[in-house]
């Protein structure tokens, strides 16, 4: 939602949109890499009988 409103407001300013996209992507990546061990265990536990 935030990127969509920025796209309307700063449509011609790609620098602001790129920064917003990077910051909104950084949080899920940090969470994924923090809990990567648990994601792998969950995937592998479901695949082995």
PDB file of N, CA and C in Angstrom:
ATOM      1  N   UNK A   1       0.824  -1.196   0.000  1.00  0.00           N
ATOM      2  CA  UNK A   1       0.000   0.000   0.000  1.00  0.00           C
ATOM      3  C   UNK A   1       0.866   1.256   0.000  1.00  0.00           C
ATOM      4  N   UNK A   2       1.939   1.230   0.785  1.00  0.00           N
ATOM      5  CA  UNK A   2       2.771   2.425   0.884  1.00  0.00           C
ATOM      6  C   UNK A   2       3.456   2.719  -0.442  1.00  0.00           C
ATOM      7  N   UNK A   3       3.924   1.682  -1.129  1.00  0.00           N
ATOM      8  CA  UNK A   3       4.581   1.913  -2.420  1.00  0.00           C
ATOM      9  C   UNK A   3       3.600   2.425  -3.463  1.00  0.00           C
ATOM     10  N   UNK A   4       2.379   1.968  -3.389  1.00  0.00           N
ATOM     11  CA  UNK A   4       1.375   2.428  -4.337  1.00  0.00           C
ATOM     12  C   UNK A   4       1.083   3.904  -4.133  1.00  0.00           C
ATOM     13  N   UNK A   5       0.978   4.343  -2.895  1.00  0.00           N
ATOM     14  CA  UNK A   5       0.732   5.762  -2.648  1.00  0.00           C
ATOM     15  C   UNK A   5       1.948   6.605  -3.014  1.00  0.00           C
ATOM     16  N   UNK A   6       3.152   6.065  -2.827  1.00  0.00           N
ATOM     17  CA  UNK A   6       4.351   6.784  -3.247  1.00  0.00           C
ATOM     18  C   UNK A   6       4.427   6.867  -4.758  1.00  0.00           C
ATOM     19  N   UNK A   7       3.990   5.830  -5.444  1.00  0.00           N
ATOM     20  CA  UNK A   7       4.020   5.852  -6.905  1.00  0.00           C
ATOM     21  C   UNK A   7       3.113   6.953  -7.437  1.00  0.00           C
ATOM     22  N   UNK A   8       2.006   7.185  -6.784  1.00  0.00           N
ATOM     23  CA  UNK A   8       1.120   8.279  -7.195  1.00  0.00           C
ATOM     24  C   UNK A   8       1.751   9.630  -6.906  1.00  0.00           C
ATOM     25  N   UNK A   9       2.358   9.746  -5.744  1.00  0.00           N
ATOM     26  CA  UNK A   9       2.895  11.025  -5.310  1.00  0.00           C
ATOM     27  C   UNK A   9       4.227  11.341  -5.992  1.00  0.00           C
ATOM     28  N   UNK A  10       5.101  10.350  -6.121  1.00  0.00           N
ATOM     29  CA  UNK A  10       6.444  10.554  -6.665  1.00  0.00           C
ATOM     30  C   UNK A  10       6.629   9.754  -7.957  1.00  0.00           C
ATOM     31  N   UNK A  11       5.667   9.790  -8.835  1.00  0.00           N
ATOM     32  CA  UNK A  11       5.694   8.975 -10.039  1.00  0.00           C
ATOM     33  C   UNK A  11       6.920   9.169 -10.907  1.00  0.00           C
ATOM     34  N   UNK A  12       7.416  10.379 -10.991  1.00  0.00           N
ATOM     35  CA  UNK A  12       8.565  10.635 -11.859  1.00  0.00           C
ATOM     36  C   UNK A  12       9.893  10.557 -11.113  1.00  0.00           C
ATOM     37  N   UNK A  13       9.858  10.425  -9.795  1.00  0.00           N
ATOM     38  CA  UNK A  13      11.083  10.399  -8.998  1.00  0.00           C
ATOM     39  C   UNK A  13      11.417   8.951  -8.641  1.00  0.00           C
ATOM     40  N   UNK A  14      12.220   8.322  -9.474  1.00  0.00           N
ATOM     41  CA  UNK A  14      12.538   6.900  -9.300  1.00  0.00           C
ATOM     42  C   UNK A  14      13.402   6.649  -8.071  1.00  0.00           C
ATOM     43  N   UNK A  15      14.175   7.625  -7.638  1.00  0.00           N
ATOM     44  CA  UNK A  15      15.037   7.455  -6.469  1.00  0.00           C
ATOM     45  C   UNK A  15      14.224   7.181  -5.207  1.00  0.00           C
ATOM     46  N   UNK A  16      13.136   7.900  -5.045  1.00  0.00           N
ATOM     47  CA  UNK A  16      12.287   7.711  -3.862  1.00  0.00           C
ATOM     48  C   UNK A  16      11.594   6.354  -3.919  1.00  0.00           C
ATOM     49  N   UNK A  17      11.133   5.965  -5.096  1.00  0.00           N
ATOM     50  CA  UNK A  17      10.462   4.669  -5.233  1.00  0.00           C
ATOM     51  C   UNK A  17      11.425   3.510  -5.013  1.00  0.00           C
ATOM     52  N   UNK A  18      12.644   3.628  -5.518  1.00  0.00           N
ATOM     53  CA  UNK A  18      13.628   2.559  -5.341  1.00  0.00           C
ATOM     54  C   UNK A  18      14.000   2.399  -3.871  1.00  0.00           C
ATOM     55  N   UNK A  19      14.162   3.501  -3.170  1.00  0.00           N
ATOM     56  CA  UNK A  19      14.475   3.436  -1.740  1.00  0.00           C
ATOM     57  C   UNK A  19      13.333   2.807  -0.958  1.00  0.00           C
ATOM     58  N   UNK A  20      12.107   3.190  -1.263  1.00  0.00           N
ATOM     59  CA  UNK A  20      10.948   2.607  -0.587  1.00  0.00           C
ATOM     60  C   UNK A  20      10.810   1.124  -0.857  1.00  0.00           C
ATOM     61  N   UNK A  21      11.077   0.716  -2.096  1.00  0.00           N
ATOM     62  CA  UNK A  21      10.996  -0.703  -2.439  1.00  0.00           C
ATOM     63  C   UNK A  21      12.064  -1.501  -1.701  1.00  0.00           C
ATOM     64  N   UNK A  22      13.264  -0.960  -1.615  1.00  0.00           N
ATOM     65  CA  UNK A  22      14.338  -1.653  -0.913  1.00  0.00           C
ATOM     66  C   UNK A  22      14.022  -1.796   0.569  1.00  0.00           C
ATOM     67  N   UNK A  23      13.531  -0.740   1.194  1.00  0.00           N
ATOM     68  CA  UNK A  23      13.222  -0.797   2.622  1.00  0.00           C
ATOM     69  C   UNK A  23      12.073  -1.750   2.907  1.00  0.00           C
ATOM     70  N   UNK A  24      11.080  -1.794   2.026  1.00  0.00           N
ATOM     71  CA  UNK A  24       9.966  -2.718   2.261  1.00  0.00           C
ATOM     72  C   UNK A  24      10.378  -4.161   2.005  1.00  0.00           C
ATOM     73  N   UNK A  25      11.421  -4.389   1.225  1.00  0.00           N
ATOM     74  CA  UNK A  25      11.923  -5.732   0.973  1.00  0.00           C
ATOM     75  C   UNK A  25      12.899  -6.185   2.047  1.00  0.00           C
ATOM     76  N   UNK A  26      13.555  -5.254   2.718  1.00  0.00           N
ATOM     77  CA  UNK A  26      14.587  -5.586   3.694  1.00  0.00           C
ATOM     78  C   UNK A  26      14.018  -6.315   4.915  1.00  0.00           C
ATOM     79  N   UNK A  27      12.860  -5.904   5.378  1.00  0.00           N
ATOM     80  CA  UNK A  27      12.278  -6.507   6.584  1.00  0.00           C
ATOM     81  C   UNK A  27      11.953  -7.992   6.379  1.00  0.00           C
ATOM     82  N   UNK A  28      11.240  -8.388   5.316  1.00  0.00           N
ATOM     83  CA  UNK A  28      11.003  -9.825   5.126  1.00  0.00           C
ATOM     84  C   UNK A  28      12.282 -10.637   4.920  1.00  0.00           C
ATOM     85  N   UNK A  29      13.281 -10.047   4.273  1.00  0.00           N
ATOM     86  CA  UNK A  29      14.540 -10.764   4.091  1.00  0.00           C
ATOM     87  C   UNK A  29      15.254 -10.995   5.418  1.00  0.00           C
ATOM     88  N   UNK A  30      15.235 -10.009   6.294  1.00  0.00           N
ATOM     89  CA  UNK A  30      15.863 -10.168   7.610  1.00  0.00           C
ATOM     90  C   UNK A  30      15.149 -11.255   8.397  1.00  0.00           C
ATOM     91  N   UNK A  31      13.826 -11.262   8.344  1.00  0.00           N
ATOM     92  CA  UNK A  31      13.063 -12.297   9.053  1.00  0.00           C
ATOM     93  C   UNK A  31      13.358 -13.669   8.468  1.00  0.00           C
ATOM     94  N   UNK A  32      13.401 -13.772   7.150  1.00  0.00           N
ATOM     95  CA  UNK A  32      13.674 -15.064   6.513  1.00  0.00           C
ATOM     96  C   UNK A  32      15.050 -15.586   6.894  1.00  0.00           C
ATOM     97  N   UNK A  33      16.078 -14.748   6.792  1.00  0.00           N
ATOM     98  CA  UNK A  33      17.422 -15.218   7.097  1.00  0.00           C
ATOM     99  C   UNK A  33      17.610 -15.481   8.587  1.00  0.00           C
ATOM    100  N   UNK A  34      16.856 -14.791   9.425  1.00  0.00           N
ATOM    101  CA  UNK A  34      16.934 -15.055  10.867  1.00  0.00           C
ATOM    102  C   UNK A  34      16.362 -16.421  11.214  1.00  0.00           C
ATOM    103  N   UNK A  35      15.286 -16.798  10.549  1.00  0.00           N
ATOM    104  CA  UNK A  35      14.597 -18.047  10.859  1.00  0.00           C
ATOM    105  C   UNK A  35      14.767 -19.087   9.763  1.00  0.00           C
ATOM    106  N   UNK A  36      15.813 -18.970   8.955  1.00  0.00           N
ATOM    107  CA  UNK A  36      16.032 -19.894   7.850  1.00  0.00           C
ATOM    108  C   UNK A  36      16.172 -21.330   8.341  1.00  0.00           C
ATOM    109  N   UNK A  37      16.813 -21.523   9.468  1.00  0.00           N
ATOM    110  CA  UNK A  37      16.994 -22.872  10.022  1.00  0.00           C
ATOM    111  C   UNK A  37      15.634 -23.532  10.271  1.00  0.00           C
ATOM    112  N   UNK A  38      14.690 -22.783  10.811  1.00  0.00           N
ATOM    113  CA  UNK A  38      13.372 -23.338  11.113  1.00  0.00           C
ATOM    114  C   UNK A  38      12.568 -23.598   9.847  1.00  0.00           C
ATOM    115  N   UNK A  39      12.727 -22.731   8.827  1.00  0.00           N
ATOM    116  CA  UNK A  39      12.058 -22.971   7.553  1.00  0.00           C
ATOM    117  C   UNK A  39      12.555 -24.268   6.929  1.00  0.00           C
ATOM    118  N   UNK A  40      13.874 -24.479   6.951  1.00  0.00           N
ATOM    119  CA  UNK A  40      14.437 -25.702   6.376  1.00  0.00           C
ATOM    120  C   UNK A  40      13.972 -26.932   7.140  1.00  0.00           C
ATOM    121  N   UNK A  41      13.936 -26.862   8.458  1.00  0.00           N
ATOM    122  CA  UNK A  41      13.477 -28.009   9.244  1.00  0.00           C
ATOM    123  C   UNK A  41      12.028 -28.339   8.929  1.00  0.00           C
ATOM    124  N   UNK A  42      11.202 -27.331   8.765  1.00  0.00           N
ATOM    125  CA  UNK A  42       9.804 -27.565   8.455  1.00  0.00           C
ATOM    126  C   UNK A  42       9.605 -28.184   7.085  1.00  0.00           C
ATOM    127  N   UNK A  43      10.375 -27.711   6.120  1.00  0.00           N
ATOM    128  CA  UNK A  43      10.266 -28.265   4.763  1.00  0.00           C
ATOM    129  C   UNK A  43      10.768 -29.709   4.729  1.00  0.00           C
ATOM    130  N   UNK A  44      11.887 -29.970   5.367  1.00  0.00           N
ATOM    131  CA  UNK A  44      12.447 -31.311   5.358  1.00  0.00           C
ATOM    132  C   UNK A  44      11.622 -32.290   6.198  1.00  0.00           C
ATOM    133  N   UNK A  45      11.013 -31.834   7.282  1.00  0.00           N
ATOM    134  CA  UNK A  45      10.213 -32.717   8.113  1.00  0.00           C
ATOM    135  C   UNK A  45       8.979 -33.212   7.371  1.00  0.00           C
ATOM    136  N   UNK A  46       8.440 -32.398   6.504  1.00  0.00           N
ATOM    137  CA  UNK A  46       7.261 -32.797   5.746  1.00  0.00           C
ATOM    138  C   UNK A  46       7.580 -33.698   4.572  1.00  0.00           C
ATOM    139  N   UNK A  47       8.834 -33.737   4.154  1.00  0.00           N
ATOM    140  CA  UNK A  47       9.158 -34.515   2.953  1.00  0.00           C
ATOM    141  C   UNK A  47       9.672 -35.916   3.247  1.00  0.00           C
ATOM    142  N   UNK A  48      10.076 -36.190   4.485  1.00  0.00           N
ATOM    143  CA  UNK A  48      10.651 -37.491   4.833  1.00  0.00           C
ATOM    144  C   UNK A  48       9.610 -38.332   5.550  1.00  0.00           C
ATOM    145  N   UNK A  49       9.458 -39.561   5.102  1.00  0.00           N
ATOM    146  CA  UNK A  49       8.479 -40.439   5.788  1.00  0.00           C
ATOM    147  C   UNK A  49       9.175 -41.316   6.778  1.00  0.00           C
TER     148      UNK A  49
END
